[in-house]
């Protein structure tokens, strides 16, 4: 059964990259076709998906040996788990009672133009009141919940490559 998992790491990193690309395309579809404007945490999750995909495509291009596979696997896993953490914060904000939801903050463009970069990043990662809105669900789960699941699958796929290291 585990033989199917022990395929070429380059192929698995390509699968992970394609998964990240699909997630970014879906995000663009929801934004530009369905008109769902991304909140700061949605943007943070997209950045984490992009970073995970970038790690995977670099691994595909590099086609590393054992040490490189270990580095790319751990890097991809850590980035994906950081993305899952952002998604979990987003889900948590969506489940807060209405009186505990933080106030809406300024838009990302305004923050980047008028605040120091560190303050902008802090606001981007902490979320605002608009992050608590649930605008889309599938099977009762919001988009951040599905994104968290995707991040966990990407982390698992990345870390599974540690089994593919030929000693």
Protein backbone atom coordinates (compact mmCIF):
# COMPACT_ATOMS: atom_id res chain seq x y z
CA UNK A 1 0.00 0.00 0.00
CA UNK A 2 2.79 2.42 0.85
CA UNK A 3 4.49 1.75 -2.50
CA UNK A 4 2.11 4.21 -4.18
CA UNK A 5 3.34 6.88 -1.77
CA UNK A 6 7.01 6.09 -2.51
CA UNK A 7 7.01 7.62 -5.98
CA UNK A 8 9.46 10.10 -7.38
CA UNK A 9 9.61 13.14 -5.04
CA UNK A 10 9.82 15.42 -8.07
CA UNK A 11 6.43 14.16 -9.22
CA UNK A 12 4.90 14.65 -5.77
CA UNK A 13 6.29 18.19 -5.50
CA UNK A 14 4.73 18.87 -8.91
CA UNK A 15 1.38 17.57 -7.64
CA UNK A 16 1.69 19.91 -4.64
CA UNK A 17 2.53 22.85 -6.90
CA UNK A 18 -0.48 22.10 -9.12
CA UNK A 19 -2.67 21.94 -6.01
CA UNK A 20 -1.41 25.37 -4.92
CA UNK A 21 -1.99 26.75 -8.42
CA UNK A 22 -5.55 25.39 -8.37
CA UNK A 23 -6.19 27.02 -4.98
CA UNK A 24 -4.94 30.38 -6.27
CA UNK A 25 -7.08 30.10 -9.41
CA UNK A 26 -10.11 29.30 -7.24
CA UNK A 27 -9.38 32.35 -5.08
CA UNK A 28 -9.15 34.54 -8.18
CA UNK A 29 -12.43 33.08 -9.45
CA UNK A 30 -14.23 33.85 -6.19
CA UNK A 31 -12.80 37.38 -6.17
CA UNK A 32 -13.16 38.42 -9.81
CA UNK A 33 -16.13 36.34 -11.01
CA UNK A 34 -18.25 35.91 -7.87
CA UNK A 35 -17.31 39.33 -6.46
CA UNK A 36 -16.13 38.14 -3.03
CA UNK A 37 -13.56 40.67 -1.83
CA UNK A 38 -10.77 39.03 0.19
CA UNK A 39 -10.29 40.15 3.76
CA UNK A 40 -6.79 40.60 5.27
CA UNK A 41 -6.66 36.99 6.50
CA UNK A 42 -7.77 35.72 3.06
CA UNK A 43 -4.89 37.67 1.52
CA UNK A 44 -2.51 36.21 4.11
CA UNK A 45 -3.71 32.71 3.23
CA UNK A 46 -3.18 33.38 -0.47
CA UNK A 47 0.37 34.53 0.26
CA UNK A 48 0.97 31.30 2.21
CA UNK A 49 -0.46 29.21 -0.66
CA UNK A 50 1.80 31.08 -3.09
CA UNK A 51 4.85 30.54 -0.85
CA UNK A 52 4.08 26.83 -0.50
CA UNK A 53 3.65 26.50 -4.26
CA UNK A 54 6.89 28.40 -4.84
CA UNK A 55 8.74 25.98 -2.56
CA UNK A 56 7.25 23.04 -4.45
CA UNK A 57 8.05 24.36 -7.94
CA UNK A 58 11.63 25.18 -6.94
CA UNK A 59 11.93 21.59 -5.70
CA UNK A 60 10.60 20.35 -9.06
CA UNK A 61 13.06 22.46 -11.03
CA UNK A 62 15.99 21.68 -8.73
CA UNK A 63 15.25 17.91 -8.64
CA UNK A 64 17.31 17.49 -5.46
CA UNK A 65 18.99 14.47 -3.96
CA UNK A 66 18.38 13.23 -0.40
CA UNK A 67 19.55 16.34 1.49
CA UNK A 68 17.62 18.67 -0.82
CA UNK A 69 14.46 16.57 -0.60
CA UNK A 70 14.68 16.82 3.18
CA UNK A 71 15.12 20.60 3.05
CA UNK A 72 12.28 21.16 0.56
CA UNK A 73 9.99 18.75 2.42
CA UNK A 74 10.52 20.49 5.73
CA UNK A 75 10.29 23.98 4.21
CA UNK A 76 7.07 23.16 2.34
CA UNK A 77 5.61 21.51 5.43
CA UNK A 78 6.44 24.45 7.69
CA UNK A 79 5.05 27.02 5.23
CA UNK A 80 1.85 25.01 4.78
CA UNK A 81 1.44 24.62 8.55
CA UNK A 82 1.89 28.38 8.98
CA UNK A 83 -0.87 28.83 6.39
CA UNK A 84 -3.05 26.38 8.32
CA UNK A 85 -2.46 28.47 11.45
CA UNK A 86 -3.68 31.59 9.64
CA UNK A 87 -6.72 29.66 8.41
CA UNK A 88 -7.48 28.46 11.94
CA UNK A 89 -7.33 32.04 13.22
CA UNK A 90 -9.77 32.99 10.46
CA UNK A 91 -12.16 30.17 11.41
CA UNK A 92 -11.87 31.21 15.07
CA UNK A 93 -12.81 34.80 14.20
CA UNK A 94 -15.81 33.53 12.25
CA UNK A 95 -17.06 31.66 15.30
CA UNK A 96 -16.75 34.53 17.78
CA UNK A 97 -19.96 35.93 19.27
CA UNK A 98 -20.95 39.16 17.48
CA UNK A 99 -20.07 41.34 20.48
CA UNK A 100 -16.49 40.00 20.53
CA UNK A 101 -15.69 40.47 16.84
CA UNK A 102 -12.92 43.06 16.35
CA UNK A 103 -13.74 46.27 14.54
CA UNK A 104 -13.17 46.53 10.81
CA UNK A 105 -9.83 48.06 9.93
CA UNK A 106 -8.49 49.98 6.97
CA UNK A 107 -7.93 48.30 3.62
CA UNK A 108 -4.64 46.64 2.75
CA UNK A 109 -3.63 49.30 0.23
CA UNK A 110 -4.23 52.06 2.79
CA UNK A 111 -2.26 50.17 5.46
CA UNK A 112 0.72 49.61 3.17
CA UNK A 113 0.78 53.26 2.11
CA UNK A 114 0.32 54.84 5.55
CA UNK A 115 1.64 52.42 8.19
CA UNK A 116 5.11 51.02 8.76
CA UNK A 117 5.48 47.58 7.15
CA UNK A 118 5.67 45.79 10.52
CA UNK A 119 2.37 47.33 11.66
CA UNK A 120 0.76 46.47 8.31
CA UNK A 121 1.89 42.85 8.61
CA UNK A 122 0.60 42.65 12.19
CA UNK A 123 -2.81 43.97 11.13
CA UNK A 124 -2.80 41.67 8.09
CA UNK A 125 -2.20 38.58 10.23
CA UNK A 126 -4.47 39.48 13.15
CA UNK A 127 -7.62 39.96 11.09
CA UNK A 128 -10.43 42.48 11.35
CA UNK A 129 -14.19 42.47 11.69
CA UNK A 130 -14.66 41.79 7.99
CA UNK A 131 -12.75 38.52 8.50
CA UNK A 132 -15.57 37.30 10.75
CA UNK A 133 -18.12 37.40 7.91
CA UNK A 134 -19.01 34.05 6.34
CA UNK A 135 -19.79 34.77 2.68
CA UNK A 136 -19.48 31.26 1.25
CA UNK A 137 -19.93 27.71 2.53
CA UNK A 138 -19.73 24.20 1.12
CA UNK A 139 -21.15 21.31 3.13
CA UNK A 140 -21.50 23.67 6.08
CA UNK A 141 -17.83 24.67 6.17
CA UNK A 142 -16.58 28.16 5.34
CA UNK A 143 -13.84 28.93 2.85
CA UNK A 144 -11.17 29.32 5.58
CA UNK A 145 -12.08 25.88 6.96
CA UNK A 146 -11.60 24.33 3.51
CA UNK A 147 -8.38 26.29 3.07
CA UNK A 148 -7.15 24.91 6.40
CA UNK A 149 -7.86 21.40 5.18
CA UNK A 150 -5.99 22.15 1.94
CA UNK A 151 -2.99 23.44 3.92
CA UNK A 152 -2.97 20.31 6.09
CA UNK A 153 -3.06 18.12 2.96
CA UNK A 154 -0.21 20.14 1.40
CA UNK A 155 1.82 19.83 4.61
CA UNK A 156 1.18 16.09 4.69
CA UNK A 157 2.16 15.72 1.04
CA UNK A 158 5.33 17.72 1.62
CA UNK A 159 6.37 15.90 4.78
CA UNK A 160 5.58 12.52 3.19
CA UNK A 161 8.52 13.15 0.86
CA UNK A 162 10.81 12.40 3.80
CA UNK A 163 9.87 8.73 3.16
CA UNK A 164 11.11 9.07 -0.40
CA UNK A 165 14.69 9.84 0.56
CA UNK A 166 16.98 7.17 -0.82
CA UNK A 167 19.79 6.46 1.59
